[in-house]
Amino acid sequence: MQVIQTDDRAKRLKVLMSAYACRPDKGSEPGVGWNMARELVKCYDVWVITRTENQVAIEAELAARPVRGLNFIFYDLPLWLRWWKQEEKGVHLHYYLWQIGIYSLAQALNQEQKFDLVHHVTYGRYCVPSFLALMPVPFIWGPLGGGEAAPKAFWQDFGWRGKLYESLRDLSCWVGERDPFVRLTAKRCAVAIVATSETSARLSKLGVKRIEIISGQTGINQQELDQLKQFSRSPLDTPIRFVSIGRLLHWKGFHLGLRAFAQANLEQSEYWIIGNGPERNSLESLANELGIGERVRFWGQIPRAQALSALGQCCALVHPSLHDFSPTICLEAMAAGRPVICLDLGGPATQVSQDAGLKIPAHTPDRAVQGLAEAMTHLAQDADTRTRMGEAGQKRISEIYSWEIKRQFLVNLYEDILNLDKAKVLT
């Protein structure tokens, strides 16, 4: 265990955060952990427990740009309890055991600091417990997701690995909902923050007394917003180019995007796919089978800055994911002034408004592909719509999805919880 303290100023309210994923140089959940800590420290003294593997990146960032009041505690399991974890393999078991491991650490830290609030931030899976809920401090759980599921009709497109994955995912949710520690977390949390209505419904069944819906788990900070806005000045008419960005997994739905692009039959247009994953070979084969191999470019895994630059060279983001609960890329596309084409499912359906993109009903794969193709054709042929949607998306990000807005939401929530806790003590 190692503690980095960046401030010794006068006492403010103290918040302890659990952020298994927390990196200043990453998007998605690592970016959530980092940005939430960076925002909340503007109002509170913040301690963050995170994994040791995040230490190098965090120390480098704090050395370059110190943040007063922000303290990090780095922890990992003993080697004999984590030798089997390699990148994404075994991550869920490691995450569960890691949370058990930080409990005594958090208790000892609380004896020293006397925290006012404890907040579990990442990972945000509703069916996995947080043992910090057992501490004698008001506990906030989330933002949470994981209640979303790929519609059964879409399983027909999955290979045996994809079907096995979805079956195991459903089973893990079923088991998690019956885990006594999950139920205890649900019972003891002062509030659960969720990103989608699907997860809200699951938590209600678990007995959570108070659920707050936030506009997605992720957000865009001001620096990122300024950078992404630069792309809005790029021409959107030539060439017509669509892009999908993310890990190449079966549930990301990129196979639907390829089929839609082929069906749209837009001459002189291109489709870029950025990312790597187990589905890459099958997606490349599908592009060739559909006769669009020469117009589809697979970039592989590239640095985030390069990926966002590629986004700025495209006229729209295609994100046909089947169970994302808060994808950062949809927000980044809107911040860059790019319309988003997505399925009307999960997080993207909440993130993308009708005036900032096109949400396609997800009843069957064939109907979804047809809807995606029609959306591509419409945007390809109507530059005014692309511009109008791009401007609406940027406005939506500024008004709802900036980290400054999310900070104010959390500050209001914290103050409400603290006031209620004081009222209980007085009565």
Protein backbone atom coordinates (compact mmCIF):
# COMPACT_ATOMS: atom_id res chain seq x y z
CA MET A 1 0.00 0.00 0.00
CA GLN A 2 1.22 3.50 -0.80
CA VAL A 3 -0.49 6.82 -0.14
CA ILE A 4 0.08 9.98 -2.16
CA GLN A 5 -1.12 13.13 -0.45
CA THR A 6 -1.20 16.37 -2.38
CA ASP A 7 -2.57 18.79 0.19
CA ASP A 8 -2.45 19.59 3.89
CA ARG A 9 -4.87 22.51 4.02
CA ALA A 10 -7.64 23.15 6.51
CA LYS A 11 -10.35 20.54 6.97
CA ARG A 12 -13.20 20.26 4.51
CA LEU A 13 -15.75 17.48 4.19
CA LYS A 14 -13.97 14.24 3.40
CA VAL A 15 -14.99 11.73 0.75
CA LEU A 16 -13.55 8.25 0.24
CA MET A 17 -13.87 6.87 -3.28
CA SER A 18 -13.43 3.31 -4.51
CA ALA A 19 -12.26 3.42 -8.12
CA TYR A 20 -10.93 0.08 -9.37
CA ALA A 21 -10.63 1.74 -12.79
CA CYS A 22 -8.97 5.17 -12.62
CA ARG A 23 -6.54 6.57 -15.20
CA PRO A 24 -5.96 10.14 -16.45
CA ASP A 25 -4.87 8.89 -19.88
CA LYS A 26 -7.85 6.65 -20.64
CA GLY A 27 -11.51 6.96 -21.58
CA SER A 28 -14.39 4.70 -20.55
CA GLU A 29 -14.46 3.55 -16.89
CA PRO A 30 -10.84 4.54 -16.09
CA GLY A 31 -11.72 8.03 -17.28
CA VAL A 32 -14.83 8.03 -15.10
CA GLY A 33 -12.82 7.27 -11.99
CA TRP A 34 -10.26 9.96 -12.75
CA ASN A 35 -12.65 12.71 -13.85
CA MET A 36 -15.04 12.17 -10.98
CA ALA A 37 -12.20 12.50 -8.49
CA ARG A 38 -10.86 15.60 -10.27
CA GLU A 39 -14.25 17.29 -10.16
CA LEU A 40 -15.24 16.40 -6.60
CA VAL A 41 -11.94 17.64 -5.16
CA LYS A 42 -13.05 21.14 -6.13
CA CYS A 43 -15.59 20.88 -3.31
CA TYR A 44 -14.28 18.20 -0.93
CA ASP A 45 -11.07 16.57 0.21
CA VAL A 46 -10.99 13.29 -1.68
CA TRP A 47 -9.23 9.99 -1.04
CA VAL A 48 -9.26 7.46 -3.88
CA ILE A 49 -8.45 3.76 -3.47
CA THR A 50 -7.41 2.32 -6.81
CA ARG A 51 -5.23 -0.47 -8.25
CA THR A 52 -1.46 -0.37 -8.14
CA GLU A 53 -1.27 -0.73 -11.93
CA ASN A 54 -2.77 2.77 -12.24
CA GLN A 55 0.01 4.28 -10.11
CA VAL A 56 2.53 5.21 -12.81
CA ALA A 57 0.00 7.12 -14.93
CA ILE A 58 -1.53 8.90 -11.92
CA GLU A 59 1.83 9.89 -10.43
CA ALA A 60 3.00 11.26 -13.78
CA GLU A 61 -0.16 13.34 -14.16
CA LEU A 62 0.00 14.72 -10.62
CA ALA A 63 3.68 15.55 -11.03
CA ALA A 64 2.89 17.56 -14.16
CA ARG A 65 -0.38 19.06 -12.88
CA PRO A 66 -0.73 18.81 -9.08
CA VAL A 67 -4.25 18.74 -7.64
CA ARG A 68 -4.67 20.04 -4.11
CA GLY A 69 -6.81 17.92 -1.82
CA LEU A 70 -6.64 14.79 -3.99
CA ASN A 71 -5.10 11.76 -2.27
CA PHE A 72 -4.48 8.33 -3.79
CA ILE A 73 -4.07 4.97 -2.10
CA PHE A 74 -2.73 2.24 -4.38
CA TYR A 75 -3.57 -1.36 -3.53
CA ASP A 76 -3.48 -4.76 -5.16
CA LEU A 77 -3.98 -8.32 -4.05
CA PRO A 78 -0.98 -10.44 -3.05
CA LEU A 79 0.70 -12.08 -6.03
CA TRP A 80 -0.55 -15.53 -5.04
CA LEU A 81 -4.12 -14.20 -5.37
CA ARG A 82 -3.66 -12.55 -8.75
CA TRP A 83 -1.06 -14.50 -10.72
CA TRP A 84 -3.81 -15.83 -12.98
CA LYS A 85 -5.09 -12.38 -14.02
CA GLN A 86 -3.81 -11.34 -17.45
CA GLU A 87 -5.27 -8.17 -18.99
CA GLU A 88 -9.03 -8.82 -19.36
CA LYS A 89 -8.82 -12.50 -18.44
CA GLY A 90 -10.01 -13.08 -14.91
CA VAL A 91 -10.81 -9.41 -14.36
CA HIS A 92 -14.24 -9.99 -12.78
CA LEU A 93 -12.93 -12.40 -10.14
CA HIS A 94 -9.98 -10.08 -9.48
CA TYR A 95 -12.38 -7.14 -9.10
CA TYR A 96 -14.51 -9.05 -6.56
CA LEU A 97 -11.49 -10.13 -4.49
CA TRP A 98 -9.91 -6.68 -4.75
CA GLN A 99 -12.97 -5.13 -3.15
CA ILE A 100 -12.75 -7.57 -0.27
CA GLY A 101 -9.09 -6.67 0.07
CA ILE A 102 -9.63 -2.92 0.34
CA TYR A 103 -12.25 -3.20 3.11
CA SER A 104 -9.82 -3.42 6.03
CA LEU A 105 -7.67 -0.77 4.38
CA ALA A 106 -10.67 1.58 4.11
CA GLN A 107 -11.68 0.89 7.71
CA ALA A 108 -8.19 1.77 8.96
CA LEU A 109 -8.17 4.91 6.84
CA ASN A 110 -11.58 5.90 8.19
CA GLN A 111 -10.30 5.60 11.76
CA GLU A 112 -7.66 8.17 10.83
CA GLN A 113 -9.64 10.54 8.59
CA LYS A 114 -13.28 10.20 9.76
CA PHE A 115 -14.88 10.31 6.34
CA ASP A 116 -18.22 12.05 5.81
CA LEU A 117 -19.17 9.96 2.76
CA VAL A 118 -18.04 6.80 0.98
CA HIS A 119 -18.65 6.48 -2.76
CA HIS A 120 -18.11 3.37 -4.90
CA VAL A 121 -17.50 4.68 -8.43
CA THR A 122 -15.89 1.99 -10.64
CA TYR A 123 -16.51 -0.64 -11.76
CA GLY A 124 -20.19 0.13 -12.04
CA ARG A 125 -21.85 -3.31 -12.16
CA TYR A 126 -25.12 -3.53 -10.28
CA CYS A 127 -24.78 -7.28 -9.60
CA VAL A 128 -21.39 -7.10 -7.84
CA PRO A 129 -21.22 -5.94 -4.20
CA SER A 130 -19.17 -3.16 -2.69
CA PHE A 131 -17.92 -4.13 0.75
CA LEU A 132 -17.42 -0.46 1.61
CA ALA A 133 -21.18 -0.39 2.15
CA LEU A 134 -20.46 -2.11 5.46
CA MET A 135 -18.61 0.93 6.79
CA PRO A 136 -20.38 3.18 9.36
CA VAL A 137 -20.50 6.06 6.87
CA PRO A 138 -23.25 7.07 4.38
CA PHE A 139 -22.60 5.04 1.22
CA ILE A 140 -23.24 6.02 -2.44
CA TRP A 141 -23.24 3.27 -5.07
CA GLY A 142 -22.64 4.10 -8.71
CA PRO A 143 -23.16 5.14 -11.46
CA LEU A 144 -24.24 1.57 -12.14
CA GLY A 145 -25.11 -0.37 -15.24
CA GLY A 146 -25.20 -3.97 -16.37
CA GLY A 147 -28.97 -4.44 -16.36
CA GLU A 148 -29.02 -4.07 -20.15
CA ALA A 149 -29.13 -7.20 -22.32
CA ALA A 150 -28.91 -8.03 -26.03
CA PRO A 151 -32.39 -8.81 -27.38
CA LYS A 152 -32.75 -12.57 -27.94
CA ALA A 153 -33.59 -12.07 -31.61
CA PHE A 154 -30.02 -10.82 -32.19
CA TRP A 155 -28.39 -13.93 -30.75
CA GLN A 156 -28.85 -15.66 -34.11
CA ASP A 157 -25.95 -13.62 -35.50
CA PHE A 158 -23.56 -14.65 -32.72
CA GLY A 159 -21.09 -17.47 -33.05
CA TRP A 160 -20.92 -20.13 -30.35
CA ARG A 161 -18.47 -18.01 -28.33
CA GLY A 162 -20.83 -15.04 -28.47
CA LYS A 163 -23.81 -17.13 -27.41
CA LEU A 164 -21.77 -18.65 -24.59
CA TYR A 165 -20.68 -15.17 -23.48
CA GLU A 166 -24.25 -13.88 -23.40
CA SER A 167 -25.46 -16.96 -21.53
CA LEU A 168 -22.71 -16.61 -18.94
CA ARG A 169 -23.40 -12.89 -18.66
CA ASP A 170 -27.08 -13.57 -17.97
CA LEU A 171 -26.09 -16.28 -15.49
CA SER A 172 -23.67 -13.94 -13.69
CA CYS A 173 -26.44 -11.37 -13.27
CA TRP A 174 -28.79 -14.08 -11.95
CA VAL A 175 -26.18 -15.30 -9.47
CA GLY A 176 -25.18 -11.76 -8.53
CA GLU A 177 -28.74 -10.80 -7.72
CA ARG A 178 -28.78 -13.68 -5.24
CA ASP A 179 -25.39 -12.89 -3.70
CA PRO A 180 -26.11 -11.93 -0.07
CA PHE A 181 -23.41 -9.26 -0.24
CA VAL A 182 -25.07 -7.66 -3.28
CA ARG A 183 -28.36 -7.59 -1.39
CA LEU A 184 -26.59 -6.15 1.65
CA THR A 185 -24.99 -3.46 -0.53
CA ALA A 186 -28.41 -2.64 -1.95
CA LYS A 187 -29.95 -2.48 1.51
CA ARG A 188 -27.21 -0.32 3.07
CA CYS A 189 -26.62 2.21 0.28
CA ALA A 190 -28.04 5.67 0.90
CA VAL A 191 -28.58 6.03 -2.84
CA ALA A 192 -27.81 4.08 -6.01
CA ILE A 193 -26.99 6.10 -9.11
CA VAL A 194 -27.90 4.47 -12.42
CA ALA A 195 -27.40 5.25 -16.08
CA THR A 196 -30.32 3.36 -17.64
CA SER A 197 -33.90 2.41 -16.82
CA GLU A 198 -33.02 -1.28 -17.26
CA THR A 199 -30.55 -1.17 -14.38
CA SER A 200 -32.95 0.93 -12.30
CA ALA A 201 -35.56 -1.83 -12.60
CA ARG A 202 -33.06 -4.47 -11.49
CA LEU A 203 -32.03 -2.46 -8.43
CA SER A 204 -35.62 -1.85 -7.44
CA LYS A 205 -36.12 -5.62 -7.27
CA LEU A 206 -33.03 -5.85 -5.06
CA GLY A 207 -34.65 -3.48 -2.58
CA VAL A 208 -32.69 -0.28 -3.12
CA LYS A 209 -34.72 2.44 -1.41
CA ARG A 210 -33.47 5.43 -3.38
CA ILE A 211 -32.41 5.41 -7.02
CA GLU A 212 -31.20 8.45 -8.93
CA ILE A 213 -30.87 8.37 -12.72
CA ILE A 214 -27.87 10.31 -13.99
CA SER A 215 -27.34 11.23 -17.63
CA GLY A 216 -24.89 8.42 -18.28
CA GLN A 217 -21.82 7.26 -16.40
CA THR A 218 -19.26 9.11 -18.48
CA GLY A 219 -18.80 12.77 -19.34
CA ILE A 220 -16.59 15.22 -21.20
CA ASN A 221 -14.30 17.62 -19.36
CA GLN A 222 -13.66 21.15 -20.60
CA GLN A 223 -10.24 20.36 -22.05
CA GLU A 224 -11.63 17.44 -24.05
CA LEU A 225 -14.62 19.52 -25.13
CA ASP A 226 -12.35 22.28 -26.47
CA GLN A 227 -10.26 19.72 -28.36
CA LEU A 228 -13.24 17.94 -29.85
CA LYS A 229 -14.96 21.15 -30.89
CA GLN A 230 -12.06 21.80 -33.25
CA PHE A 231 -13.25 18.90 -35.41
CA SER A 232 -16.63 20.54 -35.96
CA ARG A 233 -14.93 22.93 -38.37
CA SER A 234 -13.85 20.02 -40.58
CA PRO A 235 -15.88 19.59 -43.80
CA LEU A 236 -18.67 17.02 -43.53
CA ASP A 237 -19.44 16.55 -47.20
CA THR A 238 -16.39 15.03 -48.93
CA PRO A 239 -15.71 12.22 -48.77
CA ILE A 240 -18.74 10.61 -47.16
CA ARG A 241 -17.22 8.46 -44.47
CA PHE A 242 -18.73 6.64 -41.48
CA VAL A 243 -16.80 5.37 -38.47
CA SER A 244 -17.27 2.85 -35.66
CA ILE A 245 -14.88 2.88 -32.69
CA GLY A 246 -14.55 0.28 -29.96
CA ARG A 247 -13.39 -3.20 -29.11
CA LEU A 248 -14.34 -5.67 -31.80
CA LEU A 249 -16.71 -7.79 -29.75
CA HIS A 250 -19.85 -9.57 -30.93
CA TRP A 251 -22.18 -7.44 -28.79
CA LYS A 252 -20.80 -4.18 -30.18
CA GLY A 253 -22.88 -4.87 -33.29
CA PHE A 254 -20.27 -3.85 -35.87
CA HIS A 255 -21.49 -6.71 -38.08
CA LEU A 256 -24.81 -4.87 -38.25
CA GLY A 257 -23.00 -1.70 -39.28
CA LEU A 258 -21.20 -3.52 -42.10
CA ARG A 259 -24.41 -5.10 -43.39
CA ALA A 260 -26.13 -1.72 -43.28
CA PHE A 261 -23.28 -0.01 -45.14
CA ALA A 262 -23.46 -2.64 -47.88
CA GLN A 263 -27.25 -2.29 -48.10
CA ALA A 264 -27.05 1.51 -48.28
CA ASN A 265 -24.89 1.12 -51.41
CA LEU A 266 -23.45 4.63 -51.22
CA GLU A 267 -20.94 5.11 -54.02
CA GLN A 268 -17.62 6.81 -53.22
CA SER A 269 -18.26 6.35 -49.49
CA GLU A 270 -16.07 4.70 -46.87
CA TYR A 271 -16.52 2.94 -43.54
CA TRP A 272 -13.73 3.04 -40.97
CA ILE A 273 -13.62 0.59 -38.06
CA ILE A 274 -11.19 1.48 -35.27
CA GLY A 275 -10.29 -1.03 -32.58
CA ASN A 276 -9.17 -4.60 -32.09
CA GLY A 277 -10.74 -7.69 -30.66
CA PRO A 278 -11.69 -11.32 -31.25
CA GLU A 279 -14.25 -10.47 -33.96
CA ARG A 280 -11.79 -8.72 -36.28
CA ASN A 281 -11.18 -11.66 -38.63
CA SER A 282 -14.88 -12.44 -38.96
CA LEU A 283 -15.70 -8.78 -39.59
CA GLU A 284 -13.04 -8.53 -42.29
CA SER A 285 -14.40 -11.69 -43.90
CA LEU A 286 -17.94 -10.31 -43.73
CA ALA A 287 -16.86 -7.06 -45.44
CA ASN A 288 -15.34 -9.08 -48.30
CA GLU A 289 -18.41 -11.34 -48.57
CA LEU A 290 -20.65 -8.26 -48.80
CA GLY A 291 -18.49 -6.83 -51.59
CA ILE A 292 -17.44 -3.75 -49.63
CA GLY A 293 -13.96 -4.87 -48.59
CA GLU A 294 -12.25 -2.17 -50.66
CA ARG A 295 -14.31 0.58 -49.00
CA VAL A 296 -13.94 -0.62 -45.41
CA ARG A 297 -10.75 0.21 -43.54
CA PHE A 298 -9.83 -1.64 -40.36
CA TRP A 299 -7.44 0.55 -38.39
CA GLY A 300 -6.79 -1.78 -35.50
CA GLN A 301 -5.97 -0.38 -32.07
CA ILE A 302 -4.56 3.15 -32.27
CA PRO A 303 -3.86 5.84 -29.63
CA ARG A 304 -6.93 7.66 -28.36
CA ALA A 305 -5.84 11.02 -29.80
CA GLN A 306 -5.43 9.44 -33.24
CA ALA A 307 -8.81 7.75 -32.96
CA LEU A 308 -10.50 11.05 -32.15
CA SER A 309 -8.70 12.69 -35.07
CA ALA A 310 -10.08 9.96 -37.33
CA LEU A 311 -13.54 10.63 -35.91
CA GLY A 312 -13.14 14.24 -36.99
CA GLN A 313 -12.55 13.07 -40.58
CA CYS A 314 -15.88 11.23 -40.70
CA CYS A 315 -19.41 12.54 -41.15
CA ALA A 316 -21.11 10.35 -38.52
CA LEU A 317 -20.48 7.73 -35.84
CA VAL A 318 -22.18 4.35 -36.24
CA HIS A 319 -22.56 2.68 -32.84
CA PRO A 320 -24.95 -0.31 -33.12
CA SER A 321 -24.12 -1.76 -29.70
CA LEU A 322 -26.55 -4.26 -28.19
CA HIS A 323 -25.93 -3.64 -24.47
CA ASP A 324 -23.65 -0.69 -23.72
CA PHE A 325 -24.73 1.24 -20.65
CA SER A 326 -22.67 4.43 -21.04
CA PRO A 327 -20.28 4.50 -24.01
CA THR A 328 -17.92 7.48 -23.99
CA ILE A 329 -17.51 7.43 -27.77
CA CYS A 330 -21.11 8.59 -28.35
CA LEU A 331 -20.45 11.65 -26.20
CA GLU A 332 -17.14 12.30 -27.93
CA ALA A 333 -18.84 12.15 -31.32
CA MET A 334 -21.51 14.65 -30.25
CA ALA A 335 -18.84 16.93 -28.77
CA ALA A 336 -17.05 16.81 -32.12
CA GLY A 337 -20.24 17.85 -33.90
CA ARG A 338 -20.87 14.44 -35.44
CA PRO A 339 -24.33 12.83 -35.60
CA VAL A 340 -24.64 9.41 -33.95
CA ILE A 341 -26.44 6.46 -35.51
CA CYS A 342 -27.24 3.89 -32.81
CA LEU A 343 -29.78 1.30 -31.78
CA ASP A 344 -32.56 2.39 -29.46
CA LEU A 345 -31.10 0.31 -26.62
CA GLY A 346 -29.37 0.92 -23.29
CA GLY A 347 -27.06 3.85 -22.71
CA PRO A 348 -26.82 5.20 -26.29
CA ALA A 349 -30.62 5.51 -26.41
CA THR A 350 -30.39 7.79 -23.37
CA GLN A 351 -27.32 9.71 -24.45
CA VAL A 352 -28.39 10.51 -28.01
CA SER A 353 -31.41 12.78 -28.41
CA GLN A 354 -33.65 12.77 -31.48
CA ASP A 355 -32.12 16.02 -32.71
CA ALA A 356 -28.50 14.85 -32.27
CA GLY A 357 -28.68 11.53 -34.06
CA LEU A 358 -30.79 8.67 -35.37
CA LYS A 359 -31.93 5.88 -33.01
CA ILE A 360 -32.97 2.69 -34.76
CA PRO A 361 -35.55 0.29 -33.22
CA ALA A 362 -33.97 -3.08 -32.36
CA HIS A 363 -36.68 -5.68 -32.97
CA THR A 364 -34.87 -8.06 -35.33
CA PRO A 365 -31.41 -7.97 -36.97
CA ASP A 366 -32.85 -7.55 -40.50
CA ARG A 367 -35.08 -4.63 -39.51
CA ALA A 368 -32.26 -3.03 -37.54
CA VAL A 369 -29.91 -3.33 -40.52
CA GLN A 370 -32.53 -1.76 -42.77
CA GLY A 371 -32.98 1.11 -40.33
CA LEU A 372 -29.23 1.65 -40.03
CA ALA A 373 -28.88 1.65 -43.83
CA GLU A 374 -31.66 4.21 -44.19
CA ALA A 375 -30.01 6.39 -41.55
CA MET A 376 -26.66 6.22 -43.34
CA THR A 377 -28.29 7.10 -46.65
CA HIS A 378 -30.19 10.01 -45.11
CA LEU A 379 -27.10 11.54 -43.52
CA ALA A 380 -24.96 10.92 -46.60
CA GLN A 381 -27.42 12.80 -48.80
CA ASP A 382 -28.33 15.66 -46.46
CA ALA A 383 -25.46 17.90 -45.38
CA ASP A 384 -27.85 20.32 -43.65
CA THR A 385 -29.13 17.55 -41.39
CA ARG A 386 -25.57 16.52 -40.54
CA THR A 387 -24.73 20.09 -39.58
CA ARG A 388 -27.93 20.61 -37.59
CA MET A 389 -27.51 17.36 -35.68
CA GLY A 390 -23.86 18.11 -35.02
CA GLU A 391 -24.72 21.47 -33.49
CA ALA A 392 -27.52 19.92 -31.40
CA GLY A 393 -25.11 17.27 -30.13
CA GLN A 394 -22.56 19.85 -29.03
CA LYS A 395 -25.26 21.80 -27.22
CA ARG A 396 -26.43 18.62 -25.47
CA ILE A 397 -22.91 17.84 -24.28
CA SER A 398 -22.44 21.35 -22.87
CA GLU A 399 -25.79 21.32 -21.08
CA ILE A 400 -25.91 17.75 -19.77
CA TYR A 401 -22.71 15.76 -20.21
CA SER A 402 -19.91 18.05 -19.12
CA TRP A 403 -18.10 16.89 -15.99
CA GLU A 404 -18.85 20.26 -14.42
CA ILE A 405 -22.59 19.51 -14.69
CA LYS A 406 -22.07 16.03 -13.27
CA ARG A 407 -20.09 17.48 -10.38
CA GLN A 408 -22.97 19.76 -9.45
CA PHE A 409 -25.37 16.82 -9.57
CA LEU A 410 -23.16 14.87 -7.16
CA VAL A 411 -22.59 17.84 -4.85
CA ASN A 412 -26.35 18.36 -4.55
CA LEU A 413 -26.81 14.64 -3.92
CA TYR A 414 -24.06 14.54 -1.30
CA GLU A 415 -25.48 17.51 0.56
CA ASP A 416 -28.96 15.96 0.55
CA ILE A 417 -27.62 12.67 1.94
CA LEU A 418 -25.62 14.45 4.64
CA ASN A 419 -28.62 16.54 5.66
CA LEU A 420 -30.81 13.44 5.88
CA ASP A 421 -28.16 11.68 7.94
CA LYS A 422 -27.97 14.63 10.34
CA ALA A 423 -31.76 14.63 10.65
CA LYS A 424 -31.72 10.93 11.61
CA VAL A 425 -29.14 11.62 14.32
CA LEU A 426 -31.22 14.47 15.76
CA THR A 427 -34.35 12.33 15.89
